[in-house]
PDB file of N, CA and C in Angstrom:
ATOM      1  N   MET A   1       1.033  -1.613   0.095  1.00  0.00           N
ATOM      2  CA  MET A   1      -0.136   0.244  -0.232  1.00  0.00           C
ATOM      3  C   MET A   1       1.229   1.173   0.459  1.00  0.00           C
ATOM      4  N   ILE A   2      -0.179   2.487  -0.761  1.00  0.00           N
ATOM      5  CA  ILE A   2       1.022   3.148  -0.989  1.00  0.00           C
ATOM      6  C   ILE A   2       0.471   4.948   0.001  1.00  0.00           C
ATOM      7  N   GLN A   3       1.081   5.788  -0.226  1.00  0.00           N
ATOM      8  CA  GLN A   3      -0.185   6.667   0.466  1.00  0.00           C
ATOM      9  C   GLN A   3       0.345   7.863  -1.131  1.00  0.00           C
ATOM     10  N   LEU A   4      -0.834   8.674  -1.008  1.00  0.00           N
ATOM     11  CA  LEU A   4      -0.832   9.926  -1.659  1.00  0.00           C
ATOM     12  C   LEU A   4      -2.030  10.690  -0.760  1.00  0.00           C
ATOM     13  N   ASP A   5      -0.936  12.352  -1.068  1.00  0.00           N
ATOM     14  CA  ASP A   5      -1.718  13.772  -0.401  1.00  0.00           C
ATOM     15  C   ASP A   5      -2.660  13.835  -1.565  1.00  0.00           C
ATOM     16  N   VAL A   6      -4.335  13.808  -0.954  1.00  0.00           N
ATOM     17  CA  VAL A   6      -5.069  14.698  -2.316  1.00  0.00           C
ATOM     18  C   VAL A   6      -4.970  16.212  -1.541  1.00  0.00           C
ATOM     19  N   THR A   7      -6.146  16.572  -2.568  1.00  0.00           N
ATOM     20  CA  THR A   7      -6.928  18.321  -1.723  1.00  0.00           C
ATOM     21  C   THR A   7      -8.119  17.790  -2.678  1.00  0.00           C
ATOM     22  N   ILE A   8      -9.394  17.505  -0.909  1.00  0.00           N
ATOM     23  CA  ILE A   8     -11.152  18.235  -1.662  1.00  0.00           C
ATOM     24  C   ILE A   8     -11.558  18.923  -0.809  1.00  0.00           C
ATOM     25  N   MET A   9     -12.109  19.588  -2.179  1.00  0.00           N
ATOM     26  CA  MET A   9     -12.588  21.452  -2.406  1.00  0.00           C
ATOM     27  C   MET A   9     -11.999  22.413  -0.333  1.00  0.00           C
ATOM     28  N   GLY A  10     -10.280  22.115  -1.013  1.00  0.00           N
ATOM     29  CA  GLY A  10      -9.832  22.866   0.074  1.00  0.00           C
ATOM     30  C   GLY A  10      -9.062  21.570   1.089  1.00  0.00           C
ATOM     31  N   GLN A  11      -9.564  21.029   1.938  1.00  0.00           N
ATOM     32  CA  GLN A  11      -9.493  20.469   2.985  1.00  0.00           C
ATOM     33  C   GLN A  11      -8.698  19.121   2.454  1.00  0.00           C
ATOM     34  N   PRO A  12      -6.512  19.177   3.412  1.00  0.00           N
ATOM     35  CA  PRO A  12      -6.011  17.690   2.977  1.00  0.00           C
ATOM     36  C   PRO A  12      -5.859  16.700   3.154  1.00  0.00           C
ATOM     37  N   TYR A  13      -6.443  15.787   2.735  1.00  0.00           N
ATOM     38  CA  TYR A  13      -6.450  14.610   3.135  1.00  0.00           C
ATOM     39  C   TYR A  13      -5.278  13.391   2.720  1.00  0.00           C
ATOM     40  N   ARG A  14      -4.802  12.003   3.278  1.00  0.00           N
ATOM     41  CA  ARG A  14      -3.810  11.138   2.825  1.00  0.00           C
ATOM     42  C   ARG A  14      -4.431  10.048   3.168  1.00  0.00           C
ATOM     43  N   LEU A  15      -4.711   9.233   1.675  1.00  0.00           N
ATOM     44  CA  LEU A  15      -4.864   8.889   1.035  1.00  0.00           C
ATOM     45  C   LEU A  15      -4.197   7.251   0.334  1.00  0.00           C
ATOM     46  N   ALA A  16      -4.570   6.127   1.154  1.00  0.00           N
ATOM     47  CA  ALA A  16      -3.540   4.749   0.466  1.00  0.00           C
ATOM     48  C   ALA A  16      -4.471   4.299  -0.294  1.00  0.00           C
ATOM     49  N   CYS A  17      -3.497   3.490  -1.125  1.00  0.00           N
ATOM     50  CA  CYS A  17      -4.578   3.247  -2.526  1.00  0.00           C
ATOM     51  C   CYS A  17      -2.835   1.700  -2.728  1.00  0.00           C
ATOM     52  N   ARG A  18      -3.133   1.074  -4.075  1.00  0.00           N
ATOM     53  CA  ARG A  18      -2.418  -0.605  -3.972  1.00  0.00           C
ATOM     54  C   ARG A  18      -1.671   0.208  -5.016  1.00  0.00           C
ATOM     55  N   GLU A  19      -0.325   0.034  -5.280  1.00  0.00           N
ATOM     56  CA  GLU A  19       0.523   0.333  -6.043  1.00  0.00           C
ATOM     57  C   GLU A  19       0.332   0.102  -7.368  1.00  0.00           C
ATOM     58  N   GLY A  20       0.282   0.949  -8.502  1.00  0.00           N
ATOM     59  CA  GLY A  20      -0.718   0.768  -9.040  1.00  0.00           C
ATOM     60  C   GLY A  20      -1.813   1.148  -9.952  1.00  0.00           C
ATOM     61  N   GLU A  21      -2.667   1.477  -9.022  1.00  0.00           N
ATOM     62  CA  GLU A  21      -3.399   2.617  -8.826  1.00  0.00           C
ATOM     63  C   GLU A  21      -3.597   3.704  -8.655  1.00  0.00           C
ATOM     64  N   GLU A  22      -2.441   4.346  -7.900  1.00  0.00           N
ATOM     65  CA  GLU A  22      -2.722   6.289  -8.230  1.00  0.00           C
ATOM     66  C   GLU A  22      -3.200   6.930  -9.294  1.00  0.00           C
ATOM     67  N   GLY A  23      -3.383   6.207  -9.257  1.00  0.00           N
ATOM     68  CA  GLY A  23      -3.645   7.684 -11.573  1.00  0.00           C
ATOM     69  C   GLY A  23      -5.324   7.272 -11.008  1.00  0.00           C
ATOM     70  N   THR A  24      -5.907   6.384 -11.028  1.00  0.00           N
ATOM     71  CA  THR A  24      -7.285   5.480 -11.007  1.00  0.00           C
ATOM     72  C   THR A  24      -7.992   6.752  -9.759  1.00  0.00           C
ATOM     73  N   LEU A  25      -7.464   6.673  -8.810  1.00  0.00           N
ATOM     74  CA  LEU A  25      -7.998   7.113  -7.427  1.00  0.00           C
ATOM     75  C   LEU A  25      -7.400   9.009  -7.692  1.00  0.00           C
ATOM     76  N   GLN A  26      -6.488   9.132  -7.798  1.00  0.00           N
ATOM     77  CA  GLN A  26      -5.963  10.057  -8.662  1.00  0.00           C
ATOM     78  C   GLN A  26      -7.741  11.201  -8.937  1.00  0.00           C
ATOM     79  N   GLN A  27      -7.803  10.533 -10.179  1.00  0.00           N
ATOM     80  CA  GLN A  27      -9.091  10.542 -11.114  1.00  0.00           C
ATOM     81  C   GLN A  27     -10.689  10.570 -10.771  1.00  0.00           C
ATOM     82  N   ALA A  28     -10.400   9.836  -9.028  1.00  0.00           N
ATOM     83  CA  ALA A  28     -11.865   9.705  -8.453  1.00  0.00           C
ATOM     84  C   ALA A  28     -11.917  11.062  -7.167  1.00  0.00           C
ATOM     85  N   VAL A  29     -11.084  11.057  -6.742  1.00  0.00           N
ATOM     86  CA  VAL A  29     -10.584  12.290  -5.946  1.00  0.00           C
ATOM     87  C   VAL A  29     -10.819  13.575  -6.331  1.00  0.00           C
ATOM     88  N   ALA A  30     -10.177  13.780  -8.471  1.00  0.00           N
ATOM     89  CA  ALA A  30     -10.285  15.011  -8.977  1.00  0.00           C
ATOM     90  C   ALA A  30     -12.009  15.049  -9.307  1.00  0.00           C
ATOM     91  N   TYR A  31     -12.893  14.383  -9.876  1.00  0.00           N
ATOM     92  CA  TYR A  31     -14.517  13.514 -10.448  1.00  0.00           C
ATOM     93  C   TYR A  31     -14.678  14.232  -8.923  1.00  0.00           C
ATOM     94  N   LEU A  32     -15.575  13.927  -7.633  1.00  0.00           N
ATOM     95  CA  LEU A  32     -15.341  14.447  -6.410  1.00  0.00           C
ATOM     96  C   LEU A  32     -15.368  15.825  -5.605  1.00  0.00           C
ATOM     97  N   ASP A  33     -13.838  15.925  -5.592  1.00  0.00           N
ATOM     98  CA  ASP A  33     -13.627  17.768  -5.720  1.00  0.00           C
ATOM     99  C   ASP A  33     -14.257  18.223  -6.415  1.00  0.00           C
ATOM    100  N   ASN A  34     -14.566  17.527  -7.850  1.00  0.00           N
ATOM    101  CA  ASN A  34     -15.402  19.027  -9.179  1.00  0.00           C
ATOM    102  C   ASN A  34     -17.013  18.924  -9.015  1.00  0.00           C
ATOM    103  N   LYS A  35     -17.399  17.816  -8.260  1.00  0.00           N
ATOM    104  CA  LYS A  35     -19.068  17.228  -7.650  1.00  0.00           C
ATOM    105  C   LYS A  35     -19.660  17.745  -6.492  1.00  0.00           C
ATOM    106  N   MET A  36     -18.306  18.245  -5.741  1.00  0.00           N
ATOM    107  CA  MET A  36     -18.394  18.654  -4.458  1.00  0.00           C
ATOM    108  C   MET A  36     -18.721  20.753  -4.558  1.00  0.00           C
ATOM    109  N   CYS A  37     -16.907  20.746  -4.946  1.00  0.00           N
ATOM    110  CA  CYS A  37     -17.759  22.277  -5.476  1.00  0.00           C
ATOM    111  C   CYS A  37     -18.572  22.670  -5.994  1.00  0.00           C
ATOM    112  N   ALA A  38     -18.741  22.130  -7.185  1.00  0.00           N
ATOM    113  CA  ALA A  38     -20.006  22.287  -8.008  1.00  0.00           C
ATOM    114  C   ALA A  38     -21.215  22.288  -7.263  1.00  0.00           C
ATOM    115  N   ILE A  39     -21.432  21.691  -5.821  1.00  0.00           N
ATOM    116  CA  ILE A  39     -22.823  22.249  -4.956  1.00  0.00           C
ATOM    117  C   ILE A  39     -22.461  22.815  -4.598  1.00  0.00           C
ATOM    118  N   ARG A  40     -21.121  23.388  -3.887  1.00  0.00           N
ATOM    119  CA  ARG A  40     -20.592  24.261  -3.059  1.00  0.00           C
ATOM    120  C   ARG A  40     -20.771  25.469  -3.638  1.00  0.00           C
ATOM    121  N   ASP A  41     -20.748  25.774  -4.788  1.00  0.00           N
ATOM    122  CA  ASP A  41     -19.715  27.080  -5.546  1.00  0.00           C
ATOM    123  C   ASP A  41     -21.892  27.277  -5.406  1.00  0.00           C
ATOM    124  N   ALA A  42     -22.848  26.225  -5.968  1.00  0.00           N
ATOM    125  CA  ALA A  42     -24.346  26.870  -6.517  1.00  0.00           C
ATOM    126  C   ALA A  42     -24.529  27.565  -5.354  1.00  0.00           C
ATOM    127  N   GLY A  43     -24.359  27.453  -3.869  1.00  0.00           N
ATOM    128  CA  GLY A  43     -24.450  27.932  -2.724  1.00  0.00           C
ATOM    129  C   GLY A  43     -25.725  28.341  -2.203  1.00  0.00           C
ATOM    130  N   LYS A  44     -26.682  26.462  -2.517  1.00  0.00           N
ATOM    131  CA  LYS A  44     -28.062  26.287  -1.955  1.00  0.00           C
ATOM    132  C   LYS A  44     -27.341  25.260  -0.526  1.00  0.00           C
ATOM    133  N   ILE A  45     -26.674  24.939  -0.211  1.00  0.00           N
ATOM    134  CA  ILE A  45     -25.875  23.347   0.060  1.00  0.00           C
ATOM    135  C   ILE A  45     -25.223  24.909   0.863  1.00  0.00           C
ATOM    136  N   LYS A  46     -24.987  25.231   2.180  1.00  0.00           N
ATOM    137  CA  LYS A  46     -24.013  23.802   2.886  1.00  0.00           C
ATOM    138  C   LYS A  46     -23.293  23.522   3.930  1.00  0.00           C
ATOM    139  N   GLY A  47     -22.458  23.693   4.576  1.00  0.00           N
ATOM    140  CA  GLY A  47     -21.507  22.639   5.633  1.00  0.00           C
ATOM    141  C   GLY A  47     -20.637  21.164   3.911  1.00  0.00           C
ATOM    142  N   THR A  48     -19.562  21.011   4.566  1.00  0.00           N
ATOM    143  CA  THR A  48     -19.091  19.735   4.115  1.00  0.00           C
ATOM    144  C   THR A  48     -19.552  19.255   4.414  1.00  0.00           C
ATOM    145  N   ASP A  49     -20.413  17.475   5.508  1.00  0.00           N
ATOM    146  CA  ASP A  49     -21.012  16.905   6.180  1.00  0.00           C
ATOM    147  C   ASP A  49     -22.622  16.258   4.365  1.00  0.00           C
ATOM    148  N   ARG A  50     -23.007  17.727   5.103  1.00  0.00           N
ATOM    149  CA  ARG A  50     -24.188  17.218   4.027  1.00  0.00           C
ATOM    150  C   ARG A  50     -23.403  17.395   2.016  1.00  0.00           C
ATOM    151  N   ILE A  51     -22.431  18.392   1.264  1.00  0.00           N
ATOM    152  CA  ILE A  51     -22.396  19.154  -0.046  1.00  0.00           C
ATOM    153  C   ILE A  51     -22.167  17.171  -0.452  1.00  0.00           C
ATOM    154  N   ALA A  52     -20.882  16.728   0.419  1.00  0.00           N
ATOM    155  CA  ALA A  52     -20.488  15.304   0.375  1.00  0.00           C
ATOM    156  C   ALA A  52     -21.510  14.054   0.252  1.00  0.00           C
ATOM    157  N   VAL A  53     -22.650  14.280   1.209  1.00  0.00           N
ATOM    158  CA  VAL A  53     -23.524  13.337   0.726  1.00  0.00           C
ATOM    159  C   VAL A  53     -23.828  13.717   0.019  1.00  0.00           C
ATOM    160  N   MET A  54     -24.899  14.557  -0.546  1.00  0.00           N
ATOM    161  CA  MET A  54     -24.923  15.144  -2.101  1.00  0.00           C
ATOM    162  C   MET A  54     -24.329  15.202  -2.879  1.00  0.00           C
ATOM    163  N   ALA A  55     -23.996  15.400  -2.864  1.00  0.00           N
ATOM    164  CA  ALA A  55     -21.344  14.409  -3.703  1.00  0.00           C
ATOM    165  C   ALA A  55     -21.927  12.855  -4.151  1.00  0.00           C
ATOM    166  N   ALA A  56     -22.256  12.950  -3.148  1.00  0.00           N
ATOM    167  CA  ALA A  56     -22.652  10.562  -3.701  1.00  0.00           C
ATOM    168  C   ALA A  56     -23.345  10.223  -3.580  1.00  0.00           C
ATOM    169  N   LEU A  57     -23.903  11.371  -3.624  1.00  0.00           N
ATOM    170  CA  LEU A  57     -25.555  10.715  -4.270  1.00  0.00           C
ATOM    171  C   LEU A  57     -25.795  10.350  -5.606  1.00  0.00           C
ATOM    172  N   GLY A  58     -25.313  12.297  -6.641  1.00  0.00           N
ATOM    173  CA  GLY A  58     -25.020  12.331  -7.148  1.00  0.00           C
ATOM    174  C   GLY A  58     -23.809  11.473  -8.286  1.00  0.00           C
ATOM    175  N   ILE A  59     -23.759  10.694  -7.082  1.00  0.00           N
ATOM    176  CA  ILE A  59     -22.229  10.399  -8.268  1.00  0.00           C
ATOM    177  C   ILE A  59     -22.904   8.829  -7.949  1.00  0.00           C
ATOM    178  N   ALA A  60     -24.228   8.558  -7.406  1.00  0.00           N
ATOM    179  CA  ALA A  60     -24.814   7.095  -7.180  1.00  0.00           C
ATOM    180  C   ALA A  60     -25.687   7.033  -8.337  1.00  0.00           C
ATOM    181  N   ALA A  61     -26.403   8.694  -8.425  1.00  0.00           N
ATOM    182  CA  ALA A  61     -27.246   8.379  -9.250  1.00  0.00           C
ATOM    183  C   ALA A  61     -26.224   8.506 -11.121  1.00  0.00           C
ATOM    184  N   GLU A  62     -25.117   8.390 -10.985  1.00  0.00           N
ATOM    185  CA  GLU A  62     -24.662   8.181 -12.004  1.00  0.00           C
ATOM    186  C   GLU A  62     -24.189   6.840 -12.532  1.00  0.00           C
ATOM    187  N   LEU A  63     -24.092   6.322 -11.083  1.00  0.00           N
ATOM    188  CA  LEU A  63     -22.975   4.800 -11.627  1.00  0.00           C
ATOM    189  C   LEU A  63     -25.362   3.338 -11.784  1.00  0.00           C
ATOM    190  N   LEU A  64     -26.168   3.988 -11.017  1.00  0.00           N
ATOM    191  CA  LEU A  64     -26.883   3.630 -11.880  1.00  0.00           C
ATOM    192  C   LEU A  64     -27.267   4.284 -12.554  1.00  0.00           C
ATOM    193  N   GLU A  65     -27.275   4.658 -13.290  1.00  0.00           N
ATOM    194  CA  GLU A  65     -27.803   4.902 -14.603  1.00  0.00           C
ATOM    195  C   GLU A  65     -27.338   4.189 -15.450  1.00  0.00           C
ATOM    196  N   THR A  66     -25.710   3.850 -14.717  1.00  0.00           N
ATOM    197  CA  THR A  66     -25.018   3.077 -16.389  1.00  0.00           C
ATOM    198  C   THR A  66     -25.080   1.694 -16.400  1.00  0.00           C
ATOM    199  N   ARG A  67     -26.324   1.082 -15.636  1.00  0.00           N
ATOM    200  CA  ARG A  67     -26.704  -0.062 -15.676  1.00  0.00           C
ATOM    201  C   ARG A  67     -28.355  -0.064 -16.522  1.00  0.00           C
ATOM    202  N   SER A  68     -28.490  -0.362 -17.036  1.00  0.00           N
ATOM    203  CA  SER A  68     -28.837  -0.863 -18.201  1.00  0.00           C
ATOM    204  C   SER A  68     -29.657  -1.765 -17.768  1.00  0.00           C
ATOM    205  N   SER A  69     -31.448  -0.935 -18.158  1.00  0.00           N
ATOM    206  CA  SER A  69     -32.959  -1.526 -17.773  1.00  0.00           C
ATOM    207  C   SER A  69     -33.602  -2.816 -19.134  1.00  0.00           C
ATOM    208  N   GLU A  70     -31.961  -2.938 -20.005  1.00  0.00           N
ATOM    209  CA  GLU A  70     -32.653  -2.943 -21.291  1.00  0.00           C
ATOM    210  C   GLU A  70     -31.093  -4.584 -21.773  1.00  0.00           C
ATOM    211  N   GLY A  71     -31.535  -4.725 -22.578  1.00  0.00           N
ATOM    212  CA  GLY A  71     -30.269  -5.716 -23.406  1.00  0.00           C
ATOM    213  C   GLY A  71     -30.259  -6.839 -22.587  1.00  0.00           C
ATOM    214  N   PRO A  72     -28.999  -7.117 -23.199  1.00  0.00           N
ATOM    215  CA  PRO A  72     -27.878  -8.679 -22.616  1.00  0.00           C
ATOM    216  C   PRO A  72     -27.497  -8.501 -21.253  1.00  0.00           C
ATOM    217  N   PHE A  73     -26.713  -7.161 -20.917  1.00  0.00           N
ATOM    218  CA  PHE A  73     -25.890  -6.194 -19.966  1.00  0.00           C
ATOM    219  C   PHE A  73     -27.283  -5.618 -18.731  1.00  0.00           C
ATOM    220  N   SER A  74     -28.761  -6.050 -18.616  1.00  0.00           N
ATOM    221  CA  SER A  74     -29.090  -5.473 -17.562  1.00  0.00           C
ATOM    222  C   SER A  74     -28.722  -5.523 -16.444  1.00  0.00           C
ATOM    223  N   GLY A  75     -28.802  -5.239 -14.964  1.00  0.00           N
ATOM    224  CA  GLY A  75     -28.343  -5.283 -14.506  1.00  0.00           C
ATOM    225  C   GLY A  75     -27.146  -5.616 -13.775  1.00  0.00           C
ATOM    226  N   MET A  76     -26.438  -5.269 -14.857  1.00  0.00           N
ATOM    227  CA  MET A  76     -24.831  -5.466 -14.085  1.00  0.00           C
ATOM    228  C   MET A  76     -24.544  -4.519 -14.322  1.00  0.00           C
ATOM    229  N   ALA A  77     -23.420  -5.049 -13.053  1.00  0.00           N
ATOM    230  CA  ALA A  77     -21.985  -3.323 -12.657  1.00  0.00           C
ATOM    231  C   ALA A  77     -21.087  -3.433 -14.428  1.00  0.00           C
ATOM    232  N   VAL A  78     -20.423  -2.146 -14.588  1.00  0.00           N
ATOM    233  CA  VAL A  78     -19.789  -1.776 -15.467  1.00  0.00           C
ATOM    234  C   VAL A  78     -18.574  -3.622 -15.349  1.00  0.00           C
ATOM    235  N   ALA A  79     -17.660  -3.502 -14.135  1.00  0.00           N
ATOM    236  CA  ALA A  79     -17.405  -4.338 -14.014  1.00  0.00           C
ATOM    237  C   ALA A  79     -17.277  -5.673 -15.247  1.00  0.00           C
ATOM    238  N   GLU A  80     -19.478  -6.044 -14.135  1.00  0.00           N
ATOM    239  CA  GLU A  80     -18.929  -7.938 -14.804  1.00  0.00           C
ATOM    240  C   GLU A  80     -19.852  -7.435 -16.498  1.00  0.00           C
ATOM    241  N   VAL A  81     -19.847  -6.248 -16.938  1.00  0.00           N
ATOM    242  CA  VAL A  81     -19.427  -6.377 -18.161  1.00  0.00           C
ATOM    243  C   VAL A  81     -18.437  -6.366 -19.220  1.00  0.00           C
ATOM    244  N   LYS A  82     -17.198  -5.836 -17.984  1.00  0.00           N
ATOM    245  CA  LYS A  82     -15.821  -5.921 -18.233  1.00  0.00           C
ATOM    246  C   LYS A  82     -15.456  -7.515 -18.997  1.00  0.00           C
ATOM    247  N   GLN A  83     -16.009  -8.182 -17.576  1.00  0.00           N
ATOM    248  CA  GLN A  83     -15.971  -9.591 -17.542  1.00  0.00           C
ATOM    249  C   GLN A  83     -16.674 -10.246 -18.627  1.00  0.00           C
ATOM    250  N   GLN A  84     -17.640  -9.568 -19.144  1.00  0.00           N
ATOM    251  CA  GLN A  84     -18.563 -10.986 -20.465  1.00  0.00           C
ATOM    252  C   GLN A  84     -17.861 -10.368 -21.709  1.00  0.00           C
ATOM    253  N   ILE A  85     -17.278  -8.972 -21.630  1.00  0.00           N
ATOM    254  CA  ILE A  85     -16.752  -8.467 -23.084  1.00  0.00           C
ATOM    255  C   ILE A  85     -15.249  -9.479 -23.074  1.00  0.00           C
ATOM    256  N   ASP A  86     -14.422  -9.016 -21.930  1.00  0.00           N
ATOM    257  CA  ASP A  86     -12.912 -10.119 -21.807  1.00  0.00           C
ATOM    258  C   ASP A  86     -13.119 -11.501 -22.395  1.00  0.00           C
ATOM    259  N   ALA A  87     -15.382 -12.397 -22.034  1.00  0.00           N
ATOM    260  CA  ALA A  87     -14.500 -13.785 -22.386  1.00  0.00           C
ATOM    261  C   ALA A  87     -14.958 -13.818 -23.516  1.00  0.00           C
ATOM    262  N   MET A  88     -15.792 -12.811 -23.729  1.00  0.00           N
ATOM    263  CA  MET A  88     -16.932 -12.948 -25.956  1.00  0.00           C
ATOM    264  C   MET A  88     -15.035 -12.962 -26.565  1.00  0.00           C
ATOM    265  N   ASN A  89     -14.068 -11.678 -25.951  1.00  0.00           N
ATOM    266  CA  ASN A  89     -12.964 -11.604 -27.036  1.00  0.00           C
ATOM    267  C   ASN A  89     -11.956 -13.084 -27.061  1.00  0.00           C
ATOM    268  N   ARG A  90     -12.252 -14.283 -25.159  1.00  0.00           N
ATOM    269  CA  ARG A  90     -11.671 -15.280 -25.733  1.00  0.00           C
ATOM    270  C   ARG A  90     -11.951 -16.033 -26.035  1.00  0.00           C
ATOM    271  N   ILE A  91     -13.732 -15.902 -26.541  1.00  0.00           N
ATOM    272  CA  ILE A  91     -14.256 -16.897 -27.179  1.00  0.00           C
ATOM    273  C   ILE A  91     -13.815 -16.445 -29.088  1.00  0.00           C
ATOM    274  N   LEU A  92     -13.464 -15.048 -29.178  1.00  0.00           N
ATOM    275  CA  LEU A  92     -13.675 -15.303 -30.401  1.00  0.00           C
ATOM    276  C   LEU A  92     -12.086 -15.719 -31.396  1.00  0.00           C
ATOM    277  N   ASP A  93     -10.836 -14.796 -30.308  1.00  0.00           N
ATOM    278  CA  ASP A  93      -9.762 -15.383 -30.286  1.00  0.00           C
ATOM    279  C   ASP A  93      -9.574 -17.091 -30.437  1.00  0.00           C
ATOM    280  N   ALA A  94     -10.410 -17.470 -29.910  1.00  0.00           N
ATOM    281  CA  ALA A  94     -10.014 -19.136 -30.460  1.00  0.00           C
ATOM    282  C   ALA A  94     -10.415 -19.522 -31.062  1.00  0.00           C
ATOM    283  N   ALA A  95     -12.264 -19.055 -31.626  1.00  0.00           N
ATOM    284  CA  ALA A  95     -12.432 -20.099 -33.237  1.00  0.00           C
ATOM    285  C   ALA A  95     -11.391 -18.805 -34.419  1.00  0.00           C
ATOM    286  N   LEU A  96     -11.111 -17.583 -33.693  1.00  0.00           N
ATOM    287  CA  LEU A  96      -9.792 -17.243 -35.198  1.00  0.00           C
ATOM    288  C   LEU A  96      -8.978 -17.264 -35.061  1.00  0.00           C
ATOM    289  N   ALA A  97      -8.285 -18.788 -34.258  1.00  0.00           N
ATOM    290  CA  ALA A  97      -7.076 -19.032 -34.853  1.00  0.00           C
ATOM    291  C   ALA A  97      -6.984 -19.942 -35.396  1.00  0.00           C
ATOM    292  N   PRO A  98      -6.908 -20.650 -35.553  1.00  0.00           N
ATOM    293  CA  PRO A  98      -7.328 -21.705 -36.992  1.00  0.00           C
ATOM    294  C   PRO A  98      -7.183 -21.100 -37.587  1.00  0.00           C
ATOM    295  N   GLN A  99      -8.252 -19.981 -38.432  1.00  0.00           N
ATOM    296  CA  GLN A  99      -7.777 -19.522 -39.408  1.00  0.00           C
ATOM    297  C   GLN A  99      -7.225 -18.251 -39.508  1.00  0.00           C
ATOM    298  N   GLU A 100      -6.175 -18.301 -39.057  1.00  0.00           N
ATOM    299  CA  GLU A 100      -4.909 -16.916 -38.871  1.00  0.00           C
ATOM    300  C   GLU A 100      -3.796 -18.209 -39.671  1.00  0.00           C
ATOM    301  N   LYS A 101      -4.386 -18.776 -39.406  1.00  0.00           N
ATOM    302  CA  LYS A 101      -2.840 -20.356 -40.050  1.00  0.00           C
ATOM    303  C   LYS A 101      -2.777 -20.856 -41.967  1.00  0.00           C
ATOM    304  N   LEU A 102      -4.269 -19.231 -42.238  1.00  0.00           N
ATOM    305  CA  LEU A 102      -4.954 -20.367 -43.718  1.00  0.00           C
ATOM    306  C   LEU A 102      -4.101 -19.253 -44.169  1.00  0.00           C
ATOM    307  N   PHE A 103      -4.113 -17.619 -43.279  1.00  0.00           N
ATOM    308  CA  PHE A 103      -3.106 -17.005 -44.304  1.00  0.00           C
ATOM    309  C   PHE A 103      -1.731 -16.433 -43.892  1.00  0.00           C
TER     310      PHE A 103
END
């Protein structure tokens, strides 16, 4: 585990993550910071805890919107969809491998 010093809405935090995941954590921090600052700057909500809850609700709603209610991947999380795509790619690679030998 490594530690990163980040700033969210002007407040410093030290966060831990696995090696190699620093970029993802920094992207998440930037995304959250943008959401929280936008809510704060709108001026309708006061208090860091309330702003954090509103940002979390907004992000949760965005996540839920990524789950389609129709189609072959309905109800699946993004990670599950990625796993299904990887599985399909492996099947296609196996099916096409004999064809490549013909050329």
